[in-house]
C-alpha atoms as a PDB file:
ATOM      1  CA  MET A   1      -0.172   0.060   0.073  1.00  0.00           C
ATOM      2  CA  LEU A   2       1.478   3.507  -0.916  1.00  0.00           C
ATOM      3  CA  ALA A   3       1.739   5.751   1.911  1.00  0.00           C
ATOM      4  CA  GLY A   4      -0.846   8.152   2.240  1.00  0.00           C
ATOM      5  CA  LEU A   5      -3.737   6.293   0.461  1.00  0.00           C
ATOM      6  CA  PRO A   6      -6.574   5.367   2.354  1.00  0.00           C
ATOM      7  CA  ARG A   7      -7.153   1.604   2.962  1.00  0.00           C
ATOM      8  CA  ILE A   8     -10.624   0.395   1.673  1.00  0.00           C
ATOM      9  CA  PRO A   9     -11.911  -2.588   2.788  1.00  0.00           C
ATOM     10  CA  MET A  10     -12.307  -5.302   0.035  1.00  0.00           C
ATOM     11  CA  SER A  11     -15.574  -6.198   1.170  1.00  0.00           C
ATOM     12  CA  LEU A  12     -16.841  -2.644   0.581  1.00  0.00           C
ATOM     13  CA  LEU A  13     -14.806  -2.573  -2.822  1.00  0.00           C
ATOM     14  CA  LYS A  14     -16.684  -5.814  -3.810  1.00  0.00           C
ATOM     15  CA  THR A  15     -19.946  -4.737  -3.034  1.00  0.00           C
ATOM     16  CA  THR A  16     -19.617  -1.192  -4.596  1.00  0.00           C
ATOM     17  CA  CYS A  17     -18.314  -2.662  -7.982  1.00  0.00           C
ATOM     18  CA  LEU A  18     -21.253  -5.348  -8.063  1.00  0.00           C
ATOM     19  CA  GLY A  19     -23.623  -2.700  -7.338  1.00  0.00           C
ATOM     20  CA  ALA A  20     -22.551  -0.677 -10.229  1.00  0.00           C
ATOM     21  CA  LEU A  21     -22.579  -3.492 -12.454  1.00  0.00           C
ATOM     22  CA  ALA A  22     -25.995  -4.350 -11.501  1.00  0.00           C
ATOM     23  CA  SER A  23     -27.004  -0.953 -12.155  1.00  0.00           C
ATOM     24  CA  LEU A  24     -25.951  -1.276 -15.640  1.00  0.00           C
ATOM     25  CA  GLY A  25     -27.720  -4.507 -15.984  1.00  0.00           C
ATOM     26  CA  LEU A  26     -24.523  -6.390 -16.465  1.00  0.00           C
ATOM     27  CA  LEU A  27     -25.329  -8.915 -13.385  1.00  0.00           C
ATOM     28  CA  ALA A  28     -29.000  -8.308 -12.708  1.00  0.00           C
ATOM     29  CA  ASP A  29     -31.474 -11.133 -12.776  1.00  0.00           C
ATOM     30  CA  GLU A  30     -33.943  -8.680 -14.385  1.00  0.00           C
ATOM     31  CA  VAL A  31     -33.525  -5.566 -16.503  1.00  0.00           C
ATOM     32  CA  THR A  32     -35.473  -2.771 -17.475  1.00  0.00           C
ATOM     33  CA  LEU A  33     -35.353  -1.658 -21.234  1.00  0.00           C
ATOM     34  CA  VAL A  34     -36.256   1.854 -21.925  1.00  0.00           C
ATOM     35  CA  HIS A  35     -35.601   4.415 -24.531  1.00  0.00           C
ATOM     36  CA  ALA A  36     -33.958   7.417 -22.906  1.00  0.00           C
ATOM     37  CA  PRO A  37     -30.732   8.667 -23.935  1.00  0.00           C
ATOM     38  CA  GLU A  38     -29.307  11.566 -22.156  1.00  0.00           C
ATOM     39  CA  ALA A  39     -30.247  15.172 -22.992  1.00  0.00           C
ATOM     40  CA  GLY A  40     -27.649  16.735 -25.183  1.00  0.00           C
ATOM     41  CA  ARG A  41     -26.806  13.847 -27.129  1.00  0.00           C
ATOM     42  CA  THR A  42     -26.789  13.658 -30.875  1.00  0.00           C
ATOM     43  CA  LEU A  43     -27.973  10.329 -32.714  1.00  0.00           C
ATOM     44  CA  THR A  44     -27.464   9.542 -36.289  1.00  0.00           C
ATOM     45  CA  ARG A  45     -30.120   6.893 -37.285  1.00  0.00           C
ATOM     46  CA  THR A  46     -29.531   5.030 -40.474  1.00  0.00           C
ATOM     47  CA  PHE A  47     -32.333   2.545 -41.661  1.00  0.00           C
ATOM     48  CA  GLU A  48     -31.845   0.613 -45.019  1.00  0.00           C
ATOM     49  CA  GLN A  49     -34.267  -1.842 -46.595  1.00  0.00           C
ATOM     50  CA  THR A  50     -33.906  -4.039 -49.553  1.00  0.00           C
ATOM     51  CA  MET A  51     -36.611  -6.240 -51.273  1.00  0.00           C
ATOM     52  CA  ARG A  52     -36.224  -8.605 -54.267  1.00  0.00           C
ATOM     53  CA  MET A  53     -38.999 -10.888 -55.676  1.00  0.00           C
ATOM     54  CA  GLU A  54     -39.306 -12.816 -58.704  1.00  0.00           C
ATOM     55  CA  LEU A  55     -42.335 -14.102 -60.800  1.00  0.00           C
ATOM     56  CA  VAL A  56     -43.044 -17.666 -60.104  1.00  0.00           C
ATOM     57  CA  ASP A  57     -46.323 -18.170 -61.709  1.00  0.00           C
ATOM     58  CA  SER A  58     -48.910 -16.344 -63.992  1.00  0.00           C
ATOM     59  CA  SER A  59     -52.243 -17.189 -65.532  1.00  0.00           C
ATOM     60  CA  ILE A  60     -55.336 -15.764 -67.214  1.00  0.00           C
ATOM     61  CA  GLU A  61     -58.820 -16.487 -66.998  1.00  0.00           C
ATOM     62  CA  PHE A  62     -61.022 -15.138 -69.564  1.00  0.00           C
ATOM     63  CA  GLU A  63     -64.865 -15.257 -70.296  1.00  0.00           C
ATOM     64  CA  VAL A  64     -66.905 -13.845 -73.305  1.00  0.00           C
ATOM     65  CA  ASN A  65     -70.535 -13.776 -73.181  1.00  0.00           C
ATOM     66  CA  GLY A  66     -70.493 -15.992 -69.904  1.00  0.00           C
ATOM     67  CA  GLU A  67     -68.591 -18.687 -71.610  1.00  0.00           C
ATOM     68  CA  PRO A  68     -64.833 -19.363 -71.002  1.00  0.00           C
ATOM     69  CA  ALA A  69     -62.492 -18.429 -73.417  1.00  0.00           C
ATOM     70  CA  GLU A  70     -58.874 -19.618 -74.300  1.00  0.00           C
ATOM     71  CA  ALA A  71     -56.381 -17.434 -72.879  1.00  0.00           C
ATOM     72  CA  GLU A  72     -52.444 -17.965 -72.241  1.00  0.00           C
ATOM     73  CA  ALA A  73     -50.564 -15.667 -69.977  1.00  0.00           C
ATOM     74  CA  PRO A  74     -47.341 -14.415 -71.725  1.00  0.00           C
ATOM     75  CA  ASP A  75     -44.116 -16.333 -70.696  1.00  0.00           C
ATOM     76  CA  LEU A  76     -42.192 -13.592 -68.870  1.00  0.00           C
ATOM     77  CA  GLU A  77     -39.440 -13.407 -66.425  1.00  0.00           C
ATOM     78  CA  VAL A  78     -40.165 -10.592 -64.060  1.00  0.00           C
ATOM     79  CA  THR A  79     -37.909  -9.346 -60.937  1.00  0.00           C
ATOM     80  CA  ILE A  80     -39.368  -6.701 -58.600  1.00  0.00           C
ATOM     81  CA  LEU A  81     -36.488  -4.619 -56.612  1.00  0.00           C
ATOM     82  CA  GLN A  82     -37.098  -2.085 -53.939  1.00  0.00           C
ATOM     83  CA  SER A  83     -34.533  -0.444 -51.926  1.00  0.00           C
ATOM     84  CA  GLU A  84     -34.631   2.376 -49.405  1.00  0.00           C
ATOM     85  CA  ARG A  85     -32.140   4.515 -47.169  1.00  0.00           C
ATOM     86  CA  LEU A  86     -33.154   6.725 -44.558  1.00  0.00           C
ATOM     87  CA  VAL A  87     -30.627   8.766 -42.357  1.00  0.00           C
ATOM     88  CA  VAL A  88     -31.886  11.035 -39.738  1.00  0.00           C
ATOM     89  CA  VAL A  89     -30.018  13.039 -37.007  1.00  0.00           C
ATOM     90  CA  ASP A  90     -31.626  13.204 -33.573  1.00  0.00           C
ATOM     91  CA  GLU A  91     -30.852  16.042 -31.214  1.00  0.00           C
ATOM     92  CA  ILE A  92     -32.123  14.933 -27.717  1.00  0.00           C
ATOM     93  CA  GLU A  93     -33.106  18.479 -26.131  1.00  0.00           C
ATOM     94  CA  GLU A  94     -34.943  17.228 -23.066  1.00  0.00           C
ATOM     95  CA  ALA A  95     -34.835  13.748 -21.420  1.00  0.00           C
ATOM     96  CA  ASP A  96     -34.785  11.924 -17.885  1.00  0.00           C
ATOM     97  CA  LYS A  97     -34.130   8.202 -16.945  1.00  0.00           C
ATOM     98  CA  ALA A  98     -37.981   7.587 -17.826  1.00  0.00           C
ATOM     99  CA  GLY A  99     -37.591   8.673 -21.503  1.00  0.00           C
ATOM    100  CA  VAL A 100     -37.244  11.581 -24.124  1.00  0.00           C
ATOM    101  CA  THR A 101     -39.472  14.405 -24.057  1.00  0.00           C
ATOM    102  CA  LYS A 102     -38.270  16.684 -26.532  1.00  0.00           C
ATOM    103  CA  LEU A 103     -35.869  16.089 -29.565  1.00  0.00           C
ATOM    104  CA  LYS A 104     -35.113  17.844 -32.997  1.00  0.00           C
ATOM    105  CA  ARG A 105     -34.950  15.634 -36.099  1.00  0.00           C
ATOM    106  CA  THR A 106     -33.322  16.630 -39.460  1.00  0.00           C
ATOM    107  CA  PHE A 107     -34.286  14.396 -42.208  1.00  0.00           C
ATOM    108  CA  GLU A 108     -30.874  14.245 -43.740  1.00  0.00           C
ATOM    109  CA  THR A 109     -31.341  11.328 -46.267  1.00  0.00           C
ATOM    110  CA  LEU A 110     -34.510   9.926 -47.695  1.00  0.00           C
ATOM    111  CA  GLU A 111     -34.109   7.711 -50.582  1.00  0.00           C
ATOM    112  CA  HIS A 112     -36.758   5.138 -52.014  1.00  0.00           C
ATOM    113  CA  VAL A 113     -36.337   3.588 -55.593  1.00  0.00           C
ATOM    114  CA  ASN A 114     -38.710   0.959 -57.239  1.00  0.00           C
ATOM    115  CA  GLU A 115     -37.087  -1.240 -60.237  1.00  0.00           C
ATOM    116  CA  GLN A 116     -38.524  -3.885 -62.516  1.00  0.00           C
ATOM    117  CA  GLU A 117     -36.324  -6.288 -64.661  1.00  0.00           C
ATOM    118  CA  VAL A 118     -38.612  -7.704 -67.333  1.00  0.00           C
ATOM    119  CA  SER A 119     -37.613 -10.193 -70.214  1.00  0.00           C
ATOM    120  CA  GLY A 120     -39.595 -12.401 -72.524  1.00  0.00           C
ATOM    121  CA  GLU A 121     -40.838 -12.523 -76.115  1.00  0.00           C
ATOM    122  CA  GLY A 122     -42.167  -9.192 -77.498  1.00  0.00           C
ATOM    123  CA  ILE A 123     -40.229  -7.207 -74.501  1.00  0.00           C
ATOM    124  CA  GLU A 124     -38.072  -4.545 -75.479  1.00  0.00           C
ATOM    125  CA  GLY A 125     -35.910  -2.640 -73.170  1.00  0.00           C
ATOM    126  CA  GLU A 126     -36.145  -2.263 -69.438  1.00  0.00           C
ATOM    127  CA  PRO A 127     -38.556  -0.060 -67.515  1.00  0.00           C
ATOM    128  CA  GLU A 128     -36.828   2.869 -66.088  1.00  0.00           C
ATOM    129  CA  PRO A 129     -36.059   2.871 -62.338  1.00  0.00           C
ATOM    130  CA  GLN A 130     -38.868   4.897 -60.336  1.00  0.00           C
ATOM    131  CA  GLU A 131     -37.374   7.280 -57.799  1.00  0.00           C
ATOM    132  CA  GLN A 132     -39.835   8.111 -54.884  1.00  0.00           C
ATOM    133  CA  THR A 133     -39.151  11.607 -53.204  1.00  0.00           C
ATOM    134  CA  SER A 134     -40.306  13.040 -49.769  1.00  0.00           C
ATOM    135  CA  GLU A 135     -40.874  16.826 -49.150  1.00  0.00           C
ATOM    136  CA  LEU A 136     -39.468  16.015 -45.740  1.00  0.00           C
ATOM    137  CA  ALA A 137     -35.886  15.677 -47.265  1.00  0.00           C
ATOM    138  CA  GLY A 138     -33.508  18.154 -45.609  1.00  0.00           C
ATOM    139  CA  ARG A 139     -36.341  19.218 -43.191  1.00  0.00           C
ATOM    140  CA  VAL A 140     -36.045  19.912 -39.547  1.00  0.00           C
ATOM    141  CA  VAL A 141     -38.790  18.794 -37.025  1.00  0.00           C
ATOM    142  CA  ARG A 142     -39.287  19.124 -33.359  1.00  0.00           C
ATOM    143  CA  PHE A 143     -41.261  16.463 -31.192  1.00  0.00           C
ATOM    144  CA  THR A 144     -42.588  17.471 -27.937  1.00  0.00           C
ATOM    145  CA  GLY A 145     -43.849  14.799 -25.519  1.00  0.00           C
ATOM    146  CA  GLU A 146     -46.595  15.409 -22.902  1.00  0.00           C
ATOM    147  CA  ASP A 147     -48.810  12.861 -21.148  1.00  0.00           C
ATOM    148  CA  GLY A 148     -47.776   9.967 -23.510  1.00  0.00           C
ATOM    149  CA  GLU A 149     -48.639  11.764 -26.433  1.00  0.00           C
ATOM    150  CA  TRP A 150     -46.167  13.277 -29.147  1.00  0.00           C
ATOM    151  CA  LYS A 151     -46.629  16.617 -31.095  1.00  0.00           C
ATOM    152  CA  ALA A 152     -44.728  17.263 -34.216  1.00  0.00           C
ATOM    153  CA  THR A 153     -43.858  20.862 -35.237  1.00  0.00           C
ATOM    154  CA  TRP A 154     -41.676  22.587 -37.822  1.00  0.00           C
ATOM    155  CA  ALA A 155     -38.222  23.496 -35.904  1.00  0.00           C
ATOM    156  CA  ASP A 156     -37.110  26.729 -35.191  1.00  0.00           C
ATOM    157  CA  GLU A 157     -38.012  28.892 -38.022  1.00  0.00           C
ATOM    158  CA  GLU A 158     -38.880  26.146 -40.319  1.00  0.00           C
ATOM    159  CA  GLU A 159     -42.260  26.372 -42.438  1.00  0.00           C
ATOM    160  CA  GLY A 160     -44.104  24.039 -44.284  1.00  0.00           C
ATOM    161  CA  ASP A 161     -47.170  21.952 -44.955  1.00  0.00           C
ATOM    162  CA  GLU A 162     -48.532  20.811 -41.610  1.00  0.00           C
ATOM    163  CA  ASP A 163     -50.050  17.750 -43.460  1.00  0.00           C
ATOM    164  CA  LEU A 164     -46.468  16.477 -43.460  1.00  0.00           C
ATOM    165  CA  LEU A 165     -46.282  16.000 -39.930  1.00  0.00           C
ATOM    166  CA  ALA A 166     -49.277  14.329 -39.359  1.00  0.00           C
ATOM    167  CA  GLU A 167     -48.285  10.568 -39.643  1.00  0.00           C
ATOM    168  CA  LEU A 168     -44.529  10.959 -38.285  1.00  0.00           C
ATOM    169  CA  GLU A 169     -43.415   8.978 -35.257  1.00  0.00           C
ATOM    170  CA  ALA A 170     -41.060  10.451 -32.654  1.00  0.00           C
ATOM    171  CA  ASP A 171     -39.353   7.430 -31.375  1.00  0.00           C
ATOM    172  CA  GLY A 172     -37.455   5.969 -34.659  1.00  0.00           C
ATOM    173  CA  GLY A 173     -35.430   3.963 -32.303  1.00  0.00           C
ATOM    174  CA  PHE A 174     -37.309   0.603 -32.256  1.00  0.00           C
ATOM    175  CA  ALA A 175     -38.407   1.053 -28.668  1.00  0.00           C
ATOM    176  CA  PHE A 176     -41.431  -0.226 -29.487  1.00  0.00           C
ATOM    177  CA  LEU A 177     -40.074  -3.658 -29.752  1.00  0.00           C
ATOM    178  CA  LEU A 178     -39.187  -3.270 -25.703  1.00  0.00           C
ATOM    179  CA  PRO A 179     -41.364  -5.199 -23.071  1.00  0.00           C
ATOM    180  CA  GLU A 180     -43.060  -3.361 -20.394  1.00  0.00           C
ATOM    181  CA  GLY A 181     -41.284  -3.124 -17.013  1.00  0.00           C
ATOM    182  CA  ALA A 182     -38.760  -5.360 -15.831  1.00  0.00           C
ATOM    183  CA  VAL A 183     -37.986  -8.931 -17.487  1.00  0.00           C
ATOM    184  CA  GLU A 184     -35.659 -11.688 -17.473  1.00  0.00           C
ATOM    185  CA  VAL A 185     -33.484 -13.492 -19.810  1.00  0.00           C
ATOM    186  CA  GLY A 186     -35.711 -15.726 -21.376  1.00  0.00           C
ATOM    187  CA  ALA A 187     -38.791 -13.759 -21.027  1.00  0.00           C
ATOM    188  CA  GLU A 188     -41.026 -13.488 -24.175  1.00  0.00           C
ATOM    189  CA  TRP A 189     -43.843 -11.046 -24.859  1.00  0.00           C
ATOM    190  CA  GLU A 190     -46.454 -10.366 -28.100  1.00  0.00           C
ATOM    191  CA  LEU A 191     -46.907  -7.495 -30.317  1.00  0.00           C
ATOM    192  CA  ASP A 192     -49.701  -6.394 -32.618  1.00  0.00           C
ATOM    193  CA  GLU A 193     -50.267  -4.878 -35.930  1.00  0.00           C
ATOM    194  CA  GLU A 194     -49.135  -1.488 -35.201  1.00  0.00           C
ATOM    195  CA  ALA A 195     -45.746  -2.919 -34.256  1.00  0.00           C
ATOM    196  CA  PHE A 196     -45.804  -4.486 -37.288  1.00  0.00           C
ATOM    197  CA  LEU A 197     -46.279  -1.076 -39.113  1.00  0.00           C
ATOM    198  CA  LEU A 198     -43.439   0.451 -37.438  1.00  0.00           C
ATOM    199  CA  LEU A 199     -41.041  -1.989 -38.289  1.00  0.00           C
ATOM    200  CA  GLY A 200     -41.291  -0.885 -41.749  1.00  0.00           C
ATOM    201  CA  GLU A 201     -41.909   2.649 -41.118  1.00  0.00           C
ATOM    202  CA  PRO A 202     -39.860   3.469 -38.192  1.00  0.00           C
ATOM    203  CA  PHE A 203     -39.899   7.146 -38.604  1.00  0.00           C
ATOM    204  CA  GLY A 204     -43.747   7.115 -39.637  1.00  0.00           C
ATOM    205  CA  ASP A 205     -45.308   7.959 -42.893  1.00  0.00           C
ATOM    206  CA  LEU A 206     -42.654  10.086 -44.987  1.00  0.00           C
ATOM    207  CA  GLN A 207     -44.981  10.291 -47.857  1.00  0.00           C
ATOM    208  CA  PHE A 208     -42.868   9.193 -50.550  1.00  0.00           C
ATOM    209  CA  LEU A 209     -44.247   9.865 -54.026  1.00  0.00           C
ATOM    210  CA  ALA A 210     -43.128   9.003 -57.388  1.00  0.00           C
ATOM    211  CA  PRO A 211     -43.416  11.562 -60.188  1.00  0.00           C
ATOM    212  CA  GLU A 212     -47.022  12.324 -61.377  1.00  0.00           C
ATOM    213  CA  GLU A 213     -48.248   9.790 -58.556  1.00  0.00           C
ATOM    214  CA  ASP A 214     -51.660  10.583 -57.124  1.00  0.00           C
ATOM    215  CA  PRO A 215     -51.122  11.270 -53.570  1.00  0.00           C
ATOM    216  CA  ASP A 216     -54.767  10.541 -52.803  1.00  0.00           C
ATOM    217  CA  ARG A 217     -54.415   6.908 -54.193  1.00  0.00           C
ATOM    218  CA  SER A 218     -51.292   6.425 -52.238  1.00  0.00           C
ATOM    219  CA  ALA A 219     -52.829   7.291 -49.230  1.00  0.00           C
ATOM    220  CA  GLU A 220     -55.610   5.100 -50.121  1.00  0.00           C
ATOM    221  CA  PHE A 221     -53.203   2.068 -50.535  1.00  0.00           C
ATOM    222  CA  ASP A 222     -51.570   2.779 -47.093  1.00  0.00           C
ATOM    223  CA  ALA A 223     -55.201   3.111 -45.361  1.00  0.00           C
ATOM    224  CA  LEU A 224     -56.110  -0.258 -47.055  1.00  0.00           C
ATOM    225  CA  PHE A 225     -52.902  -2.066 -46.213  1.00  0.00           C
ATOM    226  CA  GLU A 226     -53.175  -1.298 -42.549  1.00  0.00           C
ATOM    227  CA  GLU A 227     -57.069  -1.978 -42.454  1.00  0.00           C
ATOM    228  CA  GLY A 228     -56.382  -5.544 -44.263  1.00  0.00           C
ATOM    229  CA  LEU A 229     -53.355  -6.416 -42.081  1.00  0.00           C
ATOM    230  CA  SER A 230     -53.501  -9.461 -39.760  1.00  0.00           C
ATOM    231  CA  VAL A 231     -50.546 -10.399 -37.520  1.00  0.00           C
ATOM    232  CA  ASP A 232     -50.417 -14.344 -36.852  1.00  0.00           C
ATOM    233  CA  GLY A 233     -47.828 -14.157 -34.180  1.00  0.00           C
ATOM    234  CA  PHE A 234     -45.552 -11.279 -33.328  1.00  0.00           C
ATOM    235  CA  VAL A 235     -43.226 -12.810 -30.566  1.00  0.00           C
ATOM    236  CA  CYS A 236     -40.078 -11.330 -28.795  1.00  0.00           C
ATOM    237  CA  GLU A 237     -37.714 -12.630 -26.407  1.00  0.00           C
ATOM    238  CA  LEU A 238     -34.870 -11.094 -24.289  1.00  0.00           C
ATOM    239  CA  ALA A 239     -32.396 -13.714 -25.400  1.00  0.00           C
ATOM    240  CA  SER A 240     -29.331 -12.673 -23.420  1.00  0.00           C
ATOM    241  CA  VAL A 241     -27.597  -9.720 -21.483  1.00  0.00           C
ATOM    242  CA  GLU A 242     -23.829  -9.707 -22.052  1.00  0.00           C
ATOM    243  CA  GLU A 243     -21.494  -6.802 -21.088  1.00  0.00           C
ATOM    244  CA  GLY A 244     -24.430  -4.356 -21.050  1.00  0.00           C
ATOM    245  CA  ILE A 245     -26.002  -5.118 -24.285  1.00  0.00           C
ATOM    246  CA  ALA A 246     -29.468  -6.740 -24.190  1.00  0.00           C
ATOM    247  CA  ARG A 247     -30.299  -9.049 -27.332  1.00  0.00           C
ATOM    248  CA  ILE A 248     -33.880  -9.343 -28.335  1.00  0.00           C
ATOM    249  CA  THR A 249     -34.995 -11.571 -30.828  1.00  0.00           C
ATOM    250  CA  PHE A 250     -38.224 -11.682 -32.446  1.00  0.00           C
ATOM    251  CA  GLU A 251     -40.338 -13.419 -34.970  1.00  0.00           C
ATOM    252  CA  VAL A 252     -43.542 -12.425 -37.153  1.00  0.00           C
ATOM    253  CA  GLU A 253     -45.851 -13.712 -39.655  1.00  0.00           C
ATOM    254  CA  ALA A 254     -48.463 -11.362 -41.287  1.00  0.00           C
ATOM    255  CA  THR A 255     -50.822 -11.023 -44.103  1.00  0.00           C
ATOM    256  CA  THR A 256     -52.645  -8.255 -45.833  1.00  0.00           C
ATOM    257  CA  ALA A 257     -54.650  -7.416 -48.930  1.00  0.00           C
ATOM    258  CA  VAL A 258     -55.478  -4.263 -50.932  1.00  0.00           C
ATOM    259  CA  GLU A 259     -57.840  -3.921 -53.576  1.00  0.00           C
ATOM    260  CA  GLN A 260     -58.315  -0.494 -55.575  1.00  0.00           C
ATOM    261  CA  GLU A 261     -60.527   0.537 -58.607  1.00  0.00           C
ATOM    262  CA  ASP A 262     -58.174   1.378 -61.636  1.00  0.00           C
ATOM    263  CA  GLU A 263     -58.745   4.470 -63.828  1.00  0.00           C
ATOM    264  CA  VAL A 264     -59.656   3.550 -67.304  1.00  0.00           C
ATOM    265  CA  PRO A 265     -59.930   5.809 -70.453  1.00  0.00           C
ATOM    266  CA  GLU A 266     -63.317   7.775 -70.762  1.00  0.00           C
ATOM    267  CA  GLU A 267     -63.984   6.219 -74.086  1.00  0.00           C
ATOM    268  CA  ALA A 268     -63.778   2.594 -72.477  1.00  0.00           C
ATOM    269  CA  ALA A 269     -65.449   3.717 -69.495  1.00  0.00           C
ATOM    270  CA  ALA A 270     -68.535   4.986 -71.463  1.00  0.00           C
ATOM    271  CA  MET A 271     -68.683   1.454 -72.904  1.00  0.00           C
ATOM    272  CA  GLY A 272     -68.880  -0.117 -69.459  1.00  0.00           C
ATOM    273  CA  LEU A 273     -65.495  -0.975 -68.934  1.00  0.00           C
ATOM    274  CA  GLU A 274     -64.310  -1.618 -65.108  1.00  0.00           C
ATOM    275  CA  ALA A 275     -60.769  -2.510 -63.779  1.00  0.00           C
ATOM    276  CA  SER A 276     -59.433  -3.273 -60.571  1.00  0.00           C
ATOM    277  CA  THR A 277     -55.990  -4.390 -59.029  1.00  0.00           C
ATOM    278  CA  GLU A 278     -55.796  -6.638 -55.946  1.00  0.00           C
ATOM    279  CA  LEU A 279     -52.494  -7.389 -53.995  1.00  0.00           C
ATOM    280  CA  GLU A 280     -52.241  -9.929 -51.337  1.00  0.00           C
ATOM    281  CA  PHE A 281     -48.903  -9.961 -49.132  1.00  0.00           C
ATOM    282  CA  THR A 282     -47.912 -12.587 -46.845  1.00  0.00           C
ATOM    283  CA  PHE A 283     -44.613 -11.988 -44.786  1.00  0.00           C
ATOM    284  CA  GLU A 284     -42.505 -14.505 -42.449  1.00  0.00           C
ATOM    285  CA  LEU A 285     -39.800 -12.628 -40.621  1.00  0.00           C
ATOM    286  CA  GLU A 286     -37.245 -12.717 -38.107  1.00  0.00           C
ATOM    287  CA  GLY A 287     -34.763 -10.372 -36.382  1.00  0.00           C
ATOM    288  CA  VAL A 288     -32.375  -9.108 -33.593  1.00  0.00           C
ATOM    289  CA  LEU A 289     -32.448  -5.985 -31.611  1.00  0.00           C
ATOM    290  CA  LEU A 290     -29.536  -4.856 -29.507  1.00  0.00           C
ATOM    291  CA  TRP A 291     -29.966  -2.463 -26.640  1.00  0.00           C
ATOM    292  CA  ASN A 292     -27.380  -0.434 -24.828  1.00  0.00           C
ATOM    293  CA  LEU A 293     -28.622  -0.605 -21.127  1.00  0.00           C
ATOM    294  CA  GLU A 294     -26.183   2.049 -19.958  1.00  0.00           C
ATOM    295  CA  GLU A 295     -26.854   4.454 -22.948  1.00  0.00           C
ATOM    296  CA  ARG A 296     -30.535   3.481 -22.922  1.00  0.00           C
ATOM    297  CA  CYS A 297     -30.846   3.340 -26.610  1.00  0.00           C
ATOM    298  CA  MET A 298     -30.482   0.884 -29.427  1.00  0.00           C
ATOM    299  CA  VAL A 299     -27.262  -0.378 -30.986  1.00  0.00           C
ATOM    300  CA  SER A 300     -28.678  -1.986 -34.171  1.00  0.00           C
ATOM    301  CA  MET A 301     -31.506  -4.058 -35.661  1.00  0.00           C
ATOM    302  CA  GLU A 302     -31.386  -6.553 -38.253  1.00  0.00           C
ATOM    303  CA  LEU A 303     -34.291  -8.196 -39.822  1.00  0.00           C
ATOM    304  CA  LYS A 304     -34.681 -10.592 -42.900  1.00  0.00           C
ATOM    305  CA  GLY A 305     -37.347 -12.963 -44.164  1.00  0.00           C
ATOM    306  CA  GLU A 306     -39.358 -14.262 -47.005  1.00  0.00           C
ATOM    307  CA  VAL A 307     -42.389 -12.122 -48.785  1.00  0.00           C
ATOM    308  CA  ALA A 308     -44.932 -13.317 -51.161  1.00  0.00           C
ATOM    309  CA  MET A 309     -47.167 -11.268 -53.252  1.00  0.00           C
ATOM    310  CA  THR A 310     -50.245 -12.212 -55.492  1.00  0.00           C
ATOM    311  CA  ILE A 311     -51.372  -9.514 -57.964  1.00  0.00           C
ATOM    312  CA  HIS A 312     -54.876  -9.803 -59.457  1.00  0.00           C
ATOM    313  CA  ASN A 313     -55.859  -7.404 -62.344  1.00  0.00           C
ATOM    314  CA  ARG A 314     -59.511  -7.612 -63.046  1.00  0.00           C
ATOM    315  CA  GLN A 315     -61.313  -6.176 -66.018  1.00  0.00           C
ATOM    316  CA  ALA A 316     -64.892  -6.498 -67.154  1.00  0.00           C
ATOM    317  CA  ALA A 317     -67.288  -4.771 -69.801  1.00  0.00           C
ATOM    318  CA  SER A 318     -70.923  -5.311 -70.451  1.00  0.00           C
ATOM    319  CA  GLY A 319     -72.981  -4.026 -73.617  1.00  0.00           C
ATOM    320  CA  ASP A 320     -76.116  -4.687 -75.449  1.00  0.00           C
ATOM    321  CA  VAL A 321     -74.347  -7.784 -77.381  1.00  0.00           C
ATOM    322  CA  PHE A 322     -71.016  -8.374 -75.736  1.00  0.00           C
ATOM    323  CA  GLU A 323     -69.787  -9.088 -72.318  1.00  0.00           C
ATOM    324  CA  PHE A 324     -66.249 -10.198 -71.112  1.00  0.00           C
ATOM    325  CA  GLU A 325     -64.450 -10.715 -67.814  1.00  0.00           C
ATOM    326  CA  ALA A 326     -60.735 -11.160 -67.402  1.00  0.00           C
ATOM    327  CA  ASP A 327     -58.671 -12.009 -64.516  1.00  0.00           C
ATOM    328  CA  ALA A 328     -55.005 -11.723 -64.899  1.00  0.00           C
ATOM    329  CA  THR A 329     -52.979 -13.369 -61.886  1.00  0.00           C
ATOM    330  CA  GLN A 330     -49.200 -13.097 -61.185  1.00  0.00           C
ATOM    331  CA  GLU A 331     -47.368 -14.720 -58.330  1.00  0.00           C
ATOM    332  CA  PHE A 332     -44.274 -13.230 -56.893  1.00  0.00           C
ATOM    333  CA  GLU A 333     -42.051 -14.858 -54.115  1.00  0.00           C
ATOM    334  CA  GLY A 334     -38.801 -13.229 -52.638  1.00  0.00           C
ATOM    335  CA  GLU A 335     -36.835 -12.114 -49.881  1.00  0.00           C
ATOM    336  CA  LEU A 336     -36.495  -8.675 -47.764  1.00  0.00           C
ATOM    337  CA  SER A 337     -34.272  -7.198 -45.270  1.00  0.00           C
ATOM    338  CA  TRP A 338     -34.197  -4.166 -43.129  1.00  0.00           C
ATOM    339  CA  SER A 339     -31.421  -2.713 -40.909  1.00  0.00           C
ATOM    340  CA  ALA A 340     -30.801   0.074 -38.395  1.00  0.00           C
ATOM    341  CA  THR A 341     -27.816   1.424 -36.752  1.00  0.00           C
ATOM    342  CA  VAL A 342     -27.236   4.309 -34.279  1.00  0.00           C
ATOM    343  CA  GLU A 343     -24.256   6.404 -34.157  1.00  0.00           C
END
């Protein structure tokens, strides 16, 4: 022992160290997981999504004047690609150990691209990639929480369309995956349809639109997707707690369907033509969320799984001497992956 230094009983030192470790959740039998990074922190959140689906089957059913008619679906190879990259910077303005109550978010990067690769007899060239944009790109929004409710406003001297703020989510840190209260390793809990929607839109509805896309039709699609959504099991588990990092695994199965009337040319509509498109989706996903107990925020989230989509294009027309109905069906299967990180 060096002269002048106080002697600290080993029993006290051991108790103090164990208490510190337990307070960080390193040795605790139970942990409480909350989204509560300290005020003054700046968090850069990056969310990336990719999806690839290929046409696996197609068919056409055709009737003329109530009688089946021969029809054969074209022999095509079709691949649907989708990619998205979101980067936001959150400045935590007010927070306590229970959670964040005020933050300022800058939407630095908002990118979404849809592509199709089509080949087959009679097909010339490839469709151009379709880039969707959001008017929130580059904008700054402040979120203020009170009594469990969040209010979004344009930050500082920003001005803009208030409708852009209506469906935004303040969290963005996948805290909706966390359990309520203290839990032990091995504990399981279930989530619902709202949580499934947040998996794909952690910052809420950013209102992406392609050039000349009808915003009302896009909003209708989103509403119908949500209305038809059914989650058949969304189970999370606290798999482990090691070195201050909680590892949460989750699995989810979900289905939904959307049907919309299609616009037809005025001349065809005058002749009684009607058209509609129905899309059916099936998702089987699994993922991992890593959560920093000391910093009280996520480290990363990884999700991957299988997706299937069936498209029904229906047309029907009736007149004095002629009636027909056509139903073209395309079935797609593929994979999707989502990832999120915080710096």
